[in-house]
Amino acid sequence: MNLHRFLDLIHEFRAEAQLVIVSHQKRTMEAADCLYGVTMQPGASSKVISERVRAGA
C-alpha cells in the first residue's frame, strides 16, 4: 500500500520537479524517465551507466 502512495506522489510531482530516487524496487524504477547505475569490475574503477526509458523525456 505504501508503494502505491509513493508512486502516486512521484506522478503528482513529475510535471513540477526533478526527483532523484535511490531504489532497487522494480516498480519504483519502472516509474522513472531515466535510470542511472554504478558498476565496478574487481580491481577496476567504478563506471556510471545511464539509460533513458521513455521517449521524449
PDB file of N, CA and C in Angstrom:
ATOM      1  N   MET A   1       0.824  -1.198   0.000  1.00  0.00           N
ATOM      2  CA  MET A   1       0.000   0.000   0.000  1.00  0.00           C
ATOM      3  C   MET A   1       0.865   1.259   0.000  1.00  0.00           C
ATOM      4  N   ASN A   2       1.947   1.248   0.788  1.00  0.00           N
ATOM      5  CA  ASN A   2       2.830   2.416   0.817  1.00  0.00           C
ATOM      6  C   ASN A   2       3.484   2.662  -0.534  1.00  0.00           C
ATOM      7  N   LEU A   3       3.821   1.595  -1.241  1.00  0.00           N
ATOM      8  CA  LEU A   3       4.422   1.746  -2.559  1.00  0.00           C
ATOM      9  C   LEU A   3       3.462   2.453  -3.505  1.00  0.00           C
ATOM     10  N   HIS A   4       2.188   2.106  -3.463  1.00  0.00           N
ATOM     11  CA  HIS A   4       1.197   2.761  -4.318  1.00  0.00           C
ATOM     12  C   HIS A   4       1.107   4.246  -4.004  1.00  0.00           C
ATOM     13  N   ARG A   5       1.108   4.601  -2.734  1.00  0.00           N
ATOM     14  CA  ARG A   5       1.072   6.024  -2.341  1.00  0.00           C
ATOM     15  C   ARG A   5       2.318   6.744  -2.829  1.00  0.00           C
ATOM     16  N   PHE A   6       3.474   6.103  -2.683  1.00  0.00           N
ATOM     17  CA  PHE A   6       4.734   6.701  -3.114  1.00  0.00           C
ATOM     18  C   PHE A   6       4.734   6.927  -4.624  1.00  0.00           C
ATOM     19  N   LEU A   7       4.297   5.937  -5.395  1.00  0.00           N
ATOM     20  CA  LEU A   7       4.241   6.075  -6.846  1.00  0.00           C
ATOM     21  C   LEU A   7       3.257   7.166  -7.265  1.00  0.00           C
ATOM     22  N   ASP A   8       2.161   7.303  -6.547  1.00  0.00           N
ATOM     23  CA  ASP A   8       1.212   8.389  -6.814  1.00  0.00           C
ATOM     24  C   ASP A   8       1.874   9.751  -6.592  1.00  0.00           C
ATOM     25  N   LEU A   9       2.684   9.876  -5.541  1.00  0.00           N
ATOM     26  CA  LEU A   9       3.401  11.128  -5.292  1.00  0.00           C
ATOM     27  C   LEU A   9       4.406  11.427  -6.400  1.00  0.00           C
ATOM     28  N   ILE A  10       5.101  10.413  -6.870  1.00  0.00           N
ATOM     29  CA  ILE A  10       6.037  10.604  -7.974  1.00  0.00           C
ATOM     30  C   ILE A  10       5.301  11.173  -9.186  1.00  0.00           C
ATOM     31  N   HIS A  11       4.172  10.588  -9.533  1.00  0.00           N
ATOM     32  CA  HIS A  11       3.408  11.051 -10.691  1.00  0.00           C
ATOM     33  C   HIS A  11       2.865  12.467 -10.465  1.00  0.00           C
ATOM     34  N   GLU A  12       2.501  12.779  -9.243  1.00  0.00           N
ATOM     35  CA  GLU A  12       1.980  14.115  -8.927  1.00  0.00           C
ATOM     36  C   GLU A  12       3.055  15.192  -9.092  1.00  0.00           C
ATOM     37  N   PHE A  13       4.273  14.933  -8.641  1.00  0.00           N
ATOM     38  CA  PHE A  13       5.348  15.917  -8.694  1.00  0.00           C
ATOM     39  C   PHE A  13       6.104  15.923 -10.020  1.00  0.00           C
ATOM     40  N   ARG A  14       5.895  14.934 -10.852  1.00  0.00           N
ATOM     41  CA  ARG A  14       6.652  14.768 -12.089  1.00  0.00           C
ATOM     42  C   ARG A  14       6.656  16.013 -12.976  1.00  0.00           C
ATOM     43  N   ALA A  15       5.536  16.698 -13.113  1.00  0.00           N
ATOM     44  CA  ALA A  15       5.438  17.853 -14.009  1.00  0.00           C
ATOM     45  C   ALA A  15       6.106  19.103 -13.434  1.00  0.00           C
ATOM     46  N   GLU A  16       6.314  19.144 -12.122  1.00  0.00           N
ATOM     47  CA  GLU A  16       6.816  20.355 -11.478  1.00  0.00           C
ATOM     48  C   GLU A  16       8.231  20.241 -10.925  1.00  0.00           C
ATOM     49  N   ALA A  17       8.780  19.047 -10.866  1.00  0.00           N
ATOM     50  CA  ALA A  17      10.075  18.884 -10.192  1.00  0.00           C
ATOM     51  C   ALA A  17      10.860  17.718 -10.797  1.00  0.00           C
ATOM     52  N   GLN A  18      12.169  17.771 -10.570  1.00  0.00           N
ATOM     53  CA  GLN A  18      13.025  16.630 -10.894  1.00  0.00           C
ATOM     54  C   GLN A  18      13.251  15.877  -9.597  1.00  0.00           C
ATOM     55  N   LEU A  19      13.130  14.582  -9.650  1.00  0.00           N
ATOM     56  CA  LEU A  19      13.321  13.761  -8.464  1.00  0.00           C
ATOM     57  C   LEU A  19      14.490  12.812  -8.675  1.00  0.00           C
ATOM     58  N   VAL A  20      15.292  12.649  -7.636  1.00  0.00           N
ATOM     59  CA  VAL A  20      16.344  11.648  -7.635  1.00  0.00           C
ATOM     60  C   VAL A  20      15.980  10.653  -6.551  1.00  0.00           C
ATOM     61  N   ILE A  21      15.775   9.415  -6.946  1.00  0.00           N
ATOM     62  CA  ILE A  21      15.338   8.384  -6.013  1.00  0.00           C
ATOM     63  C   ILE A  21      16.324   7.229  -6.087  1.00  0.00           C
ATOM     64  N   VAL A  22      16.779   6.769  -4.954  1.00  0.00           N
ATOM     65  CA  VAL A  22      17.672   5.616  -4.886  1.00  0.00           C
ATOM     66  C   VAL A  22      16.817   4.412  -4.499  1.00  0.00           C
ATOM     67  N   SER A  23      16.788   3.409  -5.383  1.00  0.00           N
ATOM     68  CA  SER A  23      15.905   2.270  -5.137  1.00  0.00           C
ATOM     69  C   SER A  23      16.382   1.030  -5.884  1.00  0.00           C
ATOM     70  N   HIS A  24      16.066  -0.119  -5.322  1.00  0.00           N
ATOM     71  CA  HIS A  24      16.234  -1.388  -6.017  1.00  0.00           C
ATOM     72  C   HIS A  24      14.856  -1.985  -6.298  1.00  0.00           C
ATOM     73  N   GLN A  25      13.807  -1.261  -5.919  1.00  0.00           N
ATOM     74  CA  GLN A  25      12.428  -1.717  -6.096  1.00  0.00           C
ATOM     75  C   GLN A  25      12.036  -1.594  -7.565  1.00  0.00           C
ATOM     76  N   LYS A  26      11.717  -2.701  -8.177  1.00  0.00           N
ATOM     77  CA  LYS A  26      11.418  -2.741  -9.618  1.00  0.00           C
ATOM     78  C   LYS A  26      10.281  -1.795  -9.984  1.00  0.00           C
ATOM     79  N   ARG A  27       9.203  -1.779  -9.232  1.00  0.00           N
ATOM     80  CA  ARG A  27       8.056  -0.922  -9.545  1.00  0.00           C
ATOM     81  C   ARG A  27       8.428   0.556  -9.485  1.00  0.00           C
ATOM     82  N   THR A  28       9.300   0.926  -8.556  1.00  0.00           N
ATOM     83  CA  THR A  28       9.744   2.315  -8.468  1.00  0.00           C
ATOM     84  C   THR A  28      10.594   2.665  -9.680  1.00  0.00           C
ATOM     85  N   MET A  29      11.488   1.779 -10.082  1.00  0.00           N
ATOM     86  CA  MET A  29      12.328   2.038 -11.250  1.00  0.00           C
ATOM     87  C   MET A  29      11.501   2.122 -12.531  1.00  0.00           C
ATOM     88  N   GLU A  30      10.401   1.392 -12.613  1.00  0.00           N
ATOM     89  CA  GLU A  30       9.538   1.448 -13.789  1.00  0.00           C
ATOM     90  C   GLU A  30       8.881   2.815 -13.956  1.00  0.00           C
ATOM     91  N   ALA A  31       8.778   3.600 -12.898  1.00  0.00           N
ATOM     92  CA  ALA A  31       8.173   4.931 -12.959  1.00  0.00           C
ATOM     93  C   ALA A  31       9.165   5.988 -13.442  1.00  0.00           C
ATOM     94  N   ALA A  32      10.421   5.616 -13.633  1.00  0.00           N
ATOM     95  CA  ALA A  32      11.473   6.576 -13.980  1.00  0.00           C
ATOM     96  C   ALA A  32      11.483   6.916 -15.460  1.00  0.00           C
ATOM     97  N   ASP A  33      11.969   8.129 -15.767  1.00  0.00           N
ATOM     98  CA  ASP A  33      12.230   8.531 -17.140  1.00  0.00           C
ATOM     99  C   ASP A  33      13.639   8.124 -17.552  1.00  0.00           C
ATOM    100  N   CYS A  34      14.543   8.087 -16.594  1.00  0.00           N
ATOM    101  CA  CYS A  34      15.937   7.747 -16.858  1.00  0.00           C
ATOM    102  C   CYS A  34      16.496   7.017 -15.640  1.00  0.00           C
ATOM    103  N   LEU A  35      17.257   5.965 -15.886  1.00  0.00           N
ATOM    104  CA  LEU A  35      17.872   5.206 -14.803  1.00  0.00           C
ATOM    105  C   LEU A  35      19.385   5.376 -14.846  1.00  0.00           C
ATOM    106  N   TYR A  36      19.998   5.507 -13.690  1.00  0.00           N
ATOM    107  CA  TYR A  36      21.450   5.576 -13.563  1.00  0.00           C
ATOM    108  C   TYR A  36      21.891   4.463 -12.637  1.00  0.00           C
ATOM    109  N   GLY A  37      22.998   3.862 -12.966  1.00  0.00           N
ATOM    110  CA  GLY A  37      23.549   2.812 -12.128  1.00  0.00           C
ATOM    111  C   GLY A  37      25.050   2.953 -12.046  1.00  0.00           C
ATOM    112  N   VAL A  38      25.638   2.379 -11.042  1.00  0.00           N
ATOM    113  CA  VAL A  38      27.092   2.374 -10.890  1.00  0.00           C
ATOM    114  C   VAL A  38      27.529   0.929 -10.766  1.00  0.00           C
ATOM    115  N   THR A  39      28.519   0.556 -11.553  1.00  0.00           N
ATOM    116  CA  THR A  39      29.028  -0.802 -11.538  1.00  0.00           C
ATOM    117  C   THR A  39      30.545  -0.762 -11.398  1.00  0.00           C
ATOM    118  N   MET A  40      31.112  -1.839 -10.931  1.00  0.00           N
ATOM    119  CA  MET A  40      32.560  -1.888 -10.792  1.00  0.00           C
ATOM    120  C   MET A  40      33.032  -3.326 -10.927  1.00  0.00           C
ATOM    121  N   GLN A  41      33.956  -3.542 -11.843  1.00  0.00           N
ATOM    122  CA  GLN A  41      34.581  -4.843 -12.001  1.00  0.00           C
ATOM    123  C   GLN A  41      35.662  -4.982 -10.929  1.00  0.00           C
ATOM    124  N   PRO A  42      35.946  -6.178 -10.467  1.00  0.00           N
ATOM    125  CA  PRO A  42      37.007  -6.366  -9.476  1.00  0.00           C
ATOM    126  C   PRO A  42      38.331  -5.767  -9.960  1.00  0.00           C
ATOM    127  N   GLY A  43      38.932  -4.937  -9.132  1.00  0.00           N
ATOM    128  CA  GLY A  43      40.219  -4.323  -9.442  1.00  0.00           C
ATOM    129  C   GLY A  43      40.138  -3.163 -10.420  1.00  0.00           C
ATOM    130  N   ALA A  44      38.934  -2.699 -10.754  1.00  0.00           N
ATOM    131  CA  ALA A  44      38.772  -1.619 -11.729  1.00  0.00           C
ATOM    132  C   ALA A  44      38.092  -0.413 -11.086  1.00  0.00           C
ATOM    133  N   SER A  45      38.013   0.658 -11.841  1.00  0.00           N
ATOM    134  CA  SER A  45      37.311   1.861 -11.380  1.00  0.00           C
ATOM    135  C   SER A  45      35.811   1.684 -11.562  1.00  0.00           C
ATOM    136  N   SER A  46      35.036   2.452 -10.799  1.00  0.00           N
ATOM    137  CA  SER A  46      33.588   2.394 -10.956  1.00  0.00           C
ATOM    138  C   SER A  46      33.179   3.062 -12.265  1.00  0.00           C
ATOM    139  N   LYS A  47      32.036   2.665 -12.781  1.00  0.00           N
ATOM    140  CA  LYS A  47      31.557   3.146 -14.066  1.00  0.00           C
ATOM    141  C   LYS A  47      30.078   3.474 -13.928  1.00  0.00           C
ATOM    142  N   VAL A  48      29.684   4.680 -14.398  1.00  0.00           N
ATOM    143  CA  VAL A  48      28.283   5.095 -14.350  1.00  0.00           C
ATOM    144  C   VAL A  48      27.603   4.668 -15.651  1.00  0.00           C
ATOM    145  N   ILE A  49      26.441   4.080 -15.512  1.00  0.00           N
ATOM    146  CA  ILE A  49      25.654   3.620 -16.650  1.00  0.00           C
ATOM    147  C   ILE A  49      24.314   4.348 -16.599  1.00  0.00           C
ATOM    148  N   SER A  50      23.842   4.865 -17.735  1.00  0.00           N
ATOM    149  CA  SER A  50      22.530   5.502 -17.765  1.00  0.00           C
ATOM    150  C   SER A  50      21.716   4.952 -18.912  1.00  0.00           C
ATOM    151  N   GLU A  51      20.397   4.995 -18.753  1.00  0.00           N
ATOM    152  CA  GLU A  51      19.506   4.546 -19.809  1.00  0.00           C
ATOM    153  C   GLU A  51      18.217   5.349 -19.733  1.00  0.00           C
ATOM    154  N   ARG A  52      17.872   5.995 -20.842  1.00  0.00           N
ATOM    155  CA  ARG A  52      16.597   6.715 -20.917  1.00  0.00           C
ATOM    156  C   ARG A  52      15.530   5.679 -21.205  1.00  0.00           C
ATOM    157  N   VAL A  53      14.454   5.678 -20.437  1.00  0.00           N
ATOM    158  CA  VAL A  53      13.447   4.632 -20.589  1.00  0.00           C
ATOM    159  C   VAL A  53      12.150   5.122 -21.210  1.00  0.00           C
ATOM    160  N   ARG A  54      12.015   6.443 -21.391  1.00  0.00           N
ATOM    161  CA  ARG A  54      10.814   6.985 -22.023  1.00  0.00           C
ATOM    162  C   ARG A  54      11.216   7.941 -23.131  1.00  0.00           C
ATOM    163  N   ALA A  55      10.607   7.791 -24.275  1.00  0.00           N
ATOM    164  CA  ALA A  55      10.882   8.709 -25.397  1.00  0.00           C
ATOM    165  C   ALA A  55      10.336  10.082 -25.080  1.00  0.00           C
ATOM    166  N   GLY A  56      11.120  11.117 -25.399  1.00  0.00           N
ATOM    167  CA  GLY A  56      10.678  12.490 -25.198  1.00  0.00           C
ATOM    168  C   GLY A  56      10.778  12.980 -23.781  1.00  0.00           C
ATOM    169  N   ALA A  57      11.434  12.268 -22.910  1.00  0.00           N
ATOM    170  CA  ALA A  57      11.551  12.694 -21.514  1.00  0.00           C
ATOM    171  C   ALA A  57      12.700  13.647 -21.327  1.00  0.00           C
TER     172      ALA A  57
END
